Amino acid sequence: MYLPNVFREDNLETLHALIRAHPLATLITAGSGGLLANLLPFTLVDEGERGILRAHSARANDQVNALSSGAETLIVFQGPESYITPSWYVSKQEHGRVVPTWNYAVVQARGTPRTIDDPEWIRAQITELTATQEQKRSEAWSVSDAPGPFIAGQIKAIIGIEIPISTIEGKWKVSQNRSAADQQGVEKGLREEGVSEEMARLVAQRGARRQE
């Protein structure tokens, strides 16, 4: 992806944190059927140099053929995003030479996939994924809450996916290229208009880092 240095994020812990906070990713493959893209929720395992991504897919999904071939895949995790109006910039009042933009944080990971046709592996993956998403609920649902034969039938219809991450890069476009005053204006505008509290925090964090 287009990645100017001012927006580059290389810290693996930060990249992993976004993946865990926004696990629903776009999985992209290029195979005999051409380019294919699907949204899949992933779990991330801290193994290997950069981590391992795990997911599952319906067996009927055409993308399974591309994944089984072992061709390189691209997985895109979209973090917080928001439209940024020039009206939030202090510089709008000073000279008016400002235009709208879009702030966002995104992680792109690549790796060679393998499909896993193992009911126990698949059960473990869906159990971990579910537990991660249910953990904040007062009455968390678990896979074991459903009847065993029903879950077994569901598992027969899906296949596991494991992708060791070979390369990973992040882009945090959160107003780092604006002046400190403009950054403060963006943070204030995002909060006051209730656009995105998460983006407001990112703008504040990156602004503070820039001033250190």
C-alpha atoms as a PDB file:
ATOM      1  CA  MET A   1       0.000   0.000   0.000  1.00  0.00           C
ATOM      2  CA  TYR A   2       1.015   3.617  -0.402  1.00  0.00           C
ATOM      3  CA  LEU A   3       2.872   4.329   2.821  1.00  0.00           C
ATOM      4  CA  PRO A   4       4.539   7.712   3.411  1.00  0.00           C
ATOM      5  CA  ASN A   5       6.972   7.574   6.333  1.00  0.00           C
ATOM      6  CA  VAL A   6       4.939  10.027   8.398  1.00  0.00           C
ATOM      7  CA  PHE A   7       2.058   7.514   8.491  1.00  0.00           C
ATOM      8  CA  ARG A   8       4.103   4.299   8.799  1.00  0.00           C
ATOM      9  CA  GLU A   9       3.592   2.078  11.837  1.00  0.00           C
ATOM     10  CA  ASP A  10       6.183  -0.660  12.393  1.00  0.00           C
ATOM     11  CA  ASN A  11       5.678  -1.599  16.029  1.00  0.00           C
ATOM     12  CA  LEU A  12       4.500  -5.222  16.026  1.00  0.00           C
ATOM     13  CA  GLU A  13       2.701  -4.891  19.355  1.00  0.00           C
ATOM     14  CA  THR A  14       0.698  -1.950  17.999  1.00  0.00           C
ATOM     15  CA  LEU A  15      -0.133  -3.817  14.786  1.00  0.00           C
ATOM     16  CA  HIS A  16      -1.238  -6.889  16.739  1.00  0.00           C
ATOM     17  CA  ALA A  17      -3.388  -4.733  19.025  1.00  0.00           C
ATOM     18  CA  LEU A  18      -5.342  -3.392  16.046  1.00  0.00           C
ATOM     19  CA  ILE A  19      -5.858  -6.911  14.680  1.00  0.00           C
ATOM     20  CA  ARG A  20      -7.264  -8.062  18.017  1.00  0.00           C
ATOM     21  CA  ALA A  21      -9.461  -4.982  18.371  1.00  0.00           C
ATOM     22  CA  HIS A  22     -10.783  -5.282  14.806  1.00  0.00           C
ATOM     23  CA  PRO A  23     -10.637  -9.008  13.955  1.00  0.00           C
ATOM     24  CA  LEU A  24     -13.058  -8.949  11.008  1.00  0.00           C
ATOM     25  CA  ALA A  25     -10.705  -8.699   8.030  1.00  0.00           C
ATOM     26  CA  THR A  26     -10.841  -8.810   4.237  1.00  0.00           C
ATOM     27  CA  LEU A  27      -9.096 -11.954   3.019  1.00  0.00           C
ATOM     28  CA  ILE A  28      -7.869 -11.551  -0.566  1.00  0.00           C
ATOM     29  CA  THR A  29      -6.589 -14.313  -2.827  1.00  0.00           C
ATOM     30  CA  ALA A  30      -5.575 -14.589  -6.468  1.00  0.00           C
ATOM     31  CA  GLY A  31      -6.067 -18.027  -7.981  1.00  0.00           C
ATOM     32  CA  SER A  32      -7.448 -19.797 -11.022  1.00  0.00           C
ATOM     33  CA  GLY A  33     -10.794 -18.176 -10.326  1.00  0.00           C
ATOM     34  CA  GLY A  34      -9.245 -14.718 -10.369  1.00  0.00           C
ATOM     35  CA  LEU A  35      -9.246 -12.253  -7.489  1.00  0.00           C
ATOM     36  CA  LEU A  36     -11.495 -13.205  -4.592  1.00  0.00           C
ATOM     37  CA  ALA A  37     -12.224 -11.334  -1.370  1.00  0.00           C
ATOM     38  CA  ASN A  38     -14.234 -12.325   1.680  1.00  0.00           C
ATOM     39  CA  LEU A  39     -14.753 -10.958   5.161  1.00  0.00           C
ATOM     40  CA  LEU A  40     -13.644 -13.402   7.854  1.00  0.00           C
ATOM     41  CA  PRO A  41     -13.056 -12.969  11.611  1.00  0.00           C
ATOM     42  CA  PHE A  42      -9.533 -13.976  12.640  1.00  0.00           C
ATOM     43  CA  THR A  43      -7.786 -14.974  15.824  1.00  0.00           C
ATOM     44  CA  LEU A  44      -4.125 -14.104  16.279  1.00  0.00           C
ATOM     45  CA  VAL A  45      -1.613 -16.415  17.927  1.00  0.00           C
ATOM     46  CA  ASP A  46       1.695 -15.068  19.227  1.00  0.00           C
ATOM     47  CA  GLU A  47       3.852 -17.701  17.577  1.00  0.00           C
ATOM     48  CA  GLY A  48       6.670 -17.335  15.075  1.00  0.00           C
ATOM     49  CA  GLU A  49       8.372 -14.079  14.217  1.00  0.00           C
ATOM     50  CA  ARG A  50       5.250 -12.085  13.350  1.00  0.00           C
ATOM     51  CA  GLY A  51       2.346 -14.197  14.596  1.00  0.00           C
ATOM     52  CA  ILE A  52      -0.101 -16.658  13.068  1.00  0.00           C
ATOM     53  CA  LEU A  53      -3.612 -15.852  11.858  1.00  0.00           C
ATOM     54  CA  ARG A  54      -6.368 -18.437  12.166  1.00  0.00           C
ATOM     55  CA  ALA A  55      -9.889 -18.504  10.823  1.00  0.00           C
ATOM     56  CA  HIS A  56     -12.513 -20.776   9.309  1.00  0.00           C
ATOM     57  CA  SER A  57     -14.633 -20.644   6.190  1.00  0.00           C
ATOM     58  CA  ALA A  58     -17.593 -22.427   4.675  1.00  0.00           C
ATOM     59  CA  ARG A  59     -16.452 -25.359   2.578  1.00  0.00           C
ATOM     60  CA  ALA A  60     -18.742 -24.113  -0.194  1.00  0.00           C
ATOM     61  CA  ASN A  61     -16.794 -20.851  -0.426  1.00  0.00           C
ATOM     62  CA  ASP A  62     -15.028 -20.660  -3.810  1.00  0.00           C
ATOM     63  CA  GLN A  63     -12.043 -19.087  -2.060  1.00  0.00           C
ATOM     64  CA  VAL A  64     -11.208 -22.383  -0.346  1.00  0.00           C
ATOM     65  CA  ASN A  65      -9.667 -23.668  -3.592  1.00  0.00           C
ATOM     66  CA  ALA A  66      -7.288 -20.717  -3.752  1.00  0.00           C
ATOM     67  CA  LEU A  67      -6.397 -21.137  -0.089  1.00  0.00           C
ATOM     68  CA  SER A  68      -5.758 -24.865  -0.529  1.00  0.00           C
ATOM     69  CA  SER A  69      -3.360 -24.167  -3.396  1.00  0.00           C
ATOM     70  CA  GLY A  70      -1.013 -22.379  -0.989  1.00  0.00           C
ATOM     71  CA  ALA A  71      -0.826 -19.132  -2.973  1.00  0.00           C
ATOM     72  CA  GLU A  72       0.106 -16.010  -1.000  1.00  0.00           C
ATOM     73  CA  THR A  73      -2.823 -14.210   0.605  1.00  0.00           C
ATOM     74  CA  LEU A  74      -3.410 -10.614   1.676  1.00  0.00           C
ATOM     75  CA  ILE A  75      -5.388  -9.929   4.837  1.00  0.00           C
ATOM     76  CA  VAL A  76      -6.565  -6.371   5.498  1.00  0.00           C
ATOM     77  CA  PHE A  77      -7.632  -5.314   8.997  1.00  0.00           C
ATOM     78  CA  GLN A  78      -9.483  -1.987   9.009  1.00  0.00           C
ATOM     79  CA  GLY A  79      -9.258  -0.024  12.241  1.00  0.00           C
ATOM     80  CA  PRO A  80     -11.004   3.231  13.177  1.00  0.00           C
ATOM     81  CA  GLU A  81     -11.733   5.671  10.356  1.00  0.00           C
ATOM     82  CA  SER A  82     -13.467   9.023   9.996  1.00  0.00           C
ATOM     83  CA  TYR A  83     -13.982  11.911   7.626  1.00  0.00           C
ATOM     84  CA  ILE A  84     -12.036  15.012   8.646  1.00  0.00           C
ATOM     85  CA  THR A  85     -13.618  18.347   7.829  1.00  0.00           C
ATOM     86  CA  PRO A  86     -11.337  21.366   7.206  1.00  0.00           C
ATOM     87  CA  SER A  87     -13.627  23.300   9.540  1.00  0.00           C
ATOM     88  CA  TRP A  88     -11.792  21.694  12.464  1.00  0.00           C
ATOM     89  CA  TYR A  89      -8.430  23.125  11.408  1.00  0.00           C
ATOM     90  CA  VAL A  90      -7.172  26.302  13.057  1.00  0.00           C
ATOM     91  CA  SER A  91      -5.364  27.013   9.787  1.00  0.00           C
ATOM     92  CA  LYS A  92      -8.740  27.373   8.040  1.00  0.00           C
ATOM     93  CA  GLN A  93      -9.190  30.654   9.877  1.00  0.00           C
ATOM     94  CA  GLU A  94      -5.608  31.708   9.214  1.00  0.00           C
ATOM     95  CA  HIS A  95      -5.315  31.220   5.436  1.00  0.00           C
ATOM     96  CA  GLY A  96      -8.112  28.943   4.197  1.00  0.00           C
ATOM     97  CA  ARG A  97      -5.784  26.705   2.176  1.00  0.00           C
ATOM     98  CA  VAL A  98      -7.203  23.471   3.536  1.00  0.00           C
ATOM     99  CA  VAL A  99      -9.213  20.575   2.124  1.00  0.00           C
ATOM    100  CA  PRO A 100     -11.104  17.601   3.590  1.00  0.00           C
ATOM    101  CA  THR A 101      -9.372  14.290   4.167  1.00  0.00           C
ATOM    102  CA  TRP A 102      -9.988  10.896   5.731  1.00  0.00           C
ATOM    103  CA  ASN A 103      -8.214   9.561   8.795  1.00  0.00           C
ATOM    104  CA  TYR A 104      -7.792   5.822   9.302  1.00  0.00           C
ATOM    105  CA  ALA A 105      -5.675   3.052  10.760  1.00  0.00           C
ATOM    106  CA  VAL A 106      -5.123  -0.153   8.801  1.00  0.00           C
ATOM    107  CA  VAL A 107      -2.965  -3.271   8.978  1.00  0.00           C
ATOM    108  CA  GLN A 108      -2.067  -5.403   5.973  1.00  0.00           C
ATOM    109  CA  ALA A 109      -0.630  -8.869   6.525  1.00  0.00           C
ATOM    110  CA  ARG A 110       0.578 -11.404   3.974  1.00  0.00           C
ATOM    111  CA  GLY A 111       1.300 -15.079   4.267  1.00  0.00           C
ATOM    112  CA  THR A 112       1.022 -18.530   2.727  1.00  0.00           C
ATOM    113  CA  PRO A 113      -2.157 -20.243   3.914  1.00  0.00           C
ATOM    114  CA  ARG A 114      -2.953 -23.846   4.640  1.00  0.00           C
ATOM    115  CA  THR A 115      -6.411 -25.311   5.012  1.00  0.00           C
ATOM    116  CA  ILE A 116      -7.062 -27.647   7.936  1.00  0.00           C
ATOM    117  CA  ASP A 117      -9.661 -30.412   7.707  1.00  0.00           C
ATOM    118  CA  ASP A 118      -9.563 -31.411  11.362  1.00  0.00           C
ATOM    119  CA  PRO A 119     -12.767 -31.191  13.453  1.00  0.00           C
ATOM    120  CA  GLU A 120     -10.867 -30.774  16.727  1.00  0.00           C
ATOM    121  CA  TRP A 121      -8.702 -27.954  15.329  1.00  0.00           C
ATOM    122  CA  ILE A 122     -11.782 -26.203  13.955  1.00  0.00           C
ATOM    123  CA  ARG A 123     -13.638 -26.614  17.241  1.00  0.00           C
ATOM    124  CA  ALA A 124     -10.695 -25.091  19.128  1.00  0.00           C
ATOM    125  CA  GLN A 125     -10.549 -22.157  16.707  1.00  0.00           C
ATOM    126  CA  ILE A 126     -14.242 -21.310  16.908  1.00  0.00           C
ATOM    127  CA  THR A 127     -14.144 -21.767  20.688  1.00  0.00           C
ATOM    128  CA  GLU A 128     -11.280 -19.287  21.009  1.00  0.00           C
ATOM    129  CA  LEU A 129     -12.896 -16.810  18.619  1.00  0.00           C
ATOM    130  CA  THR A 130     -16.203 -16.973  20.461  1.00  0.00           C
ATOM    131  CA  ALA A 131     -14.617 -16.673  23.905  1.00  0.00           C
ATOM    132  CA  THR A 132     -12.674 -13.590  22.800  1.00  0.00           C
ATOM    133  CA  GLN A 133     -15.825 -11.846  21.631  1.00  0.00           C
ATOM    134  CA  GLU A 134     -18.025 -12.955  24.528  1.00  0.00           C
ATOM    135  CA  GLN A 135     -15.592 -12.230  27.372  1.00  0.00           C
ATOM    136  CA  LYS A 136     -17.007  -8.787  28.210  1.00  0.00           C
ATOM    137  CA  ARG A 137     -20.591 -10.004  28.490  1.00  0.00           C
ATOM    138  CA  SER A 138     -22.014 -10.720  31.933  1.00  0.00           C
ATOM    139  CA  GLU A 139     -23.533 -13.944  30.648  1.00  0.00           C
ATOM    140  CA  ALA A 140     -21.062 -15.125  28.046  1.00  0.00           C
ATOM    141  CA  TRP A 141     -22.210 -17.692  25.492  1.00  0.00           C
ATOM    142  CA  SER A 142     -19.845 -20.566  24.770  1.00  0.00           C
ATOM    143  CA  VAL A 143     -19.732 -23.189  22.044  1.00  0.00           C
ATOM    144  CA  SER A 144     -20.477 -25.864  24.642  1.00  0.00           C
ATOM    145  CA  ASP A 145     -23.848 -24.193  25.335  1.00  0.00           C
ATOM    146  CA  ALA A 146     -25.207 -25.569  22.042  1.00  0.00           C
ATOM    147  CA  PRO A 147     -26.093 -29.259  21.614  1.00  0.00           C
ATOM    148  CA  GLY A 148     -23.072 -31.384  20.717  1.00  0.00           C
ATOM    149  CA  PRO A 149     -24.587 -32.999  17.590  1.00  0.00           C
ATOM    150  CA  PHE A 150     -25.620 -29.559  16.306  1.00  0.00           C
ATOM    151  CA  ILE A 151     -22.081 -28.144  16.678  1.00  0.00           C
ATOM    152  CA  ALA A 152     -20.625 -31.265  15.074  1.00  0.00           C
ATOM    153  CA  GLY A 153     -22.885 -30.725  12.078  1.00  0.00           C
ATOM    154  CA  GLN A 154     -21.832 -27.097  11.813  1.00  0.00           C
ATOM    155  CA  ILE A 155     -18.161 -28.056  11.938  1.00  0.00           C
ATOM    156  CA  LYS A 156     -18.610 -30.490   9.043  1.00  0.00           C
ATOM    157  CA  ALA A 157     -19.643 -27.562   6.859  1.00  0.00           C
ATOM    158  CA  ILE A 158     -16.527 -25.461   7.507  1.00  0.00           C
ATOM    159  CA  ILE A 159     -12.780 -25.750   7.062  1.00  0.00           C
ATOM    160  CA  GLY A 160      -9.930 -24.279   9.087  1.00  0.00           C
ATOM    161  CA  ILE A 161      -7.453 -21.720   7.780  1.00  0.00           C
ATOM    162  CA  GLU A 162      -4.013 -20.967   9.199  1.00  0.00           C
ATOM    163  CA  ILE A 163      -1.719 -18.238   7.849  1.00  0.00           C
ATOM    164  CA  PRO A 164       1.729 -17.624   9.377  1.00  0.00           C
ATOM    165  CA  ILE A 165       2.386 -13.914   8.806  1.00  0.00           C
ATOM    166  CA  SER A 166       5.337 -13.404   6.458  1.00  0.00           C
ATOM    167  CA  THR A 167       5.062  -9.616   6.156  1.00  0.00           C
ATOM    168  CA  ILE A 168       2.996  -7.066   8.055  1.00  0.00           C
ATOM    169  CA  GLU A 169       2.711  -3.303   7.761  1.00  0.00           C
ATOM    170  CA  GLY A 170       0.538  -0.633   9.263  1.00  0.00           C
ATOM    171  CA  LYS A 171      -0.636   2.799   8.242  1.00  0.00           C
ATOM    172  CA  TRP A 172      -1.867   5.242  10.883  1.00  0.00           C
ATOM    173  CA  LYS A 173      -3.109   8.301   8.959  1.00  0.00           C
ATOM    174  CA  VAL A 174      -4.255  10.336  11.940  1.00  0.00           C
ATOM    175  CA  SER A 175      -3.370  13.969  11.170  1.00  0.00           C
ATOM    176  CA  GLN A 176       0.381  13.640  11.856  1.00  0.00           C
ATOM    177  CA  ASN A 177       1.033  15.846   8.816  1.00  0.00           C
ATOM    178  CA  ARG A 178      -0.920  18.750  10.337  1.00  0.00           C
ATOM    179  CA  SER A 179       0.309  21.366  12.800  1.00  0.00           C
ATOM    180  CA  ALA A 180      -0.149  20.807  16.527  1.00  0.00           C
ATOM    181  CA  ALA A 181      -2.971  23.372  16.528  1.00  0.00           C
ATOM    182  CA  ASP A 182      -4.762  21.615  13.672  1.00  0.00           C
ATOM    183  CA  GLN A 183      -4.346  18.254  15.390  1.00  0.00           C
ATOM    184  CA  GLN A 184      -5.924  19.651  18.536  1.00  0.00           C
ATOM    185  CA  GLY A 185      -8.767  21.034  16.440  1.00  0.00           C
ATOM    186  CA  VAL A 186      -9.352  17.624  14.868  1.00  0.00           C
ATOM    187  CA  GLU A 187      -9.338  15.874  18.239  1.00  0.00           C
ATOM    188  CA  LYS A 188     -11.771  18.424  19.664  1.00  0.00           C
ATOM    189  CA  GLY A 189     -14.064  18.218  16.645  1.00  0.00           C
ATOM    190  CA  LEU A 190     -14.184  14.430  16.686  1.00  0.00           C
ATOM    191  CA  ARG A 191     -15.114  14.421  20.360  1.00  0.00           C
ATOM    192  CA  GLU A 192     -17.608  17.303  20.333  1.00  0.00           C
ATOM    193  CA  GLU A 193     -19.475  16.045  17.273  1.00  0.00           C
ATOM    194  CA  GLY A 194     -19.416  12.457  18.506  1.00  0.00           C
ATOM    195  CA  VAL A 195     -17.810  11.198  15.302  1.00  0.00           C
ATOM    196  CA  SER A 196     -15.223   8.736  16.634  1.00  0.00           C
ATOM    197  CA  GLU A 197     -13.836   8.632  20.147  1.00  0.00           C
ATOM    198  CA  GLU A 198     -11.317   5.987  19.067  1.00  0.00           C
ATOM    199  CA  MET A 199      -9.982   8.208  16.267  1.00  0.00           C
ATOM    200  CA  ALA A 200      -9.828  11.173  18.634  1.00  0.00           C
ATOM    201  CA  ARG A 201      -7.603   9.133  20.951  1.00  0.00           C
ATOM    202  CA  LEU A 202      -5.316   8.151  18.090  1.00  0.00           C
ATOM    203  CA  VAL A 203      -4.940  11.769  16.957  1.00  0.00           C
ATOM    204  CA  ALA A 204      -4.100  12.809  20.527  1.00  0.00           C
ATOM    205  CA  GLN A 205      -1.610   9.958  20.987  1.00  0.00           C
ATOM    206  CA  ARG A 206       0.234  10.589  17.722  1.00  0.00           C
ATOM    207  CA  GLY A 207       0.296  14.328  18.381  1.00  0.00           C
ATOM    208  CA  ALA A 208       1.852  13.749  21.785  1.00  0.00           C
ATOM    209  CA  ARG A 209       4.416  11.350  20.276  1.00  0.00           C
ATOM    210  CA  ARG A 210       5.368  13.934  17.657  1.00  0.00           C
ATOM    211  CA  GLN A 211       6.028  16.543  20.331  1.00  0.00           C
ATOM    212  CA  GLU A 212       8.286  14.305  22.415  1.00  0.00           C
END
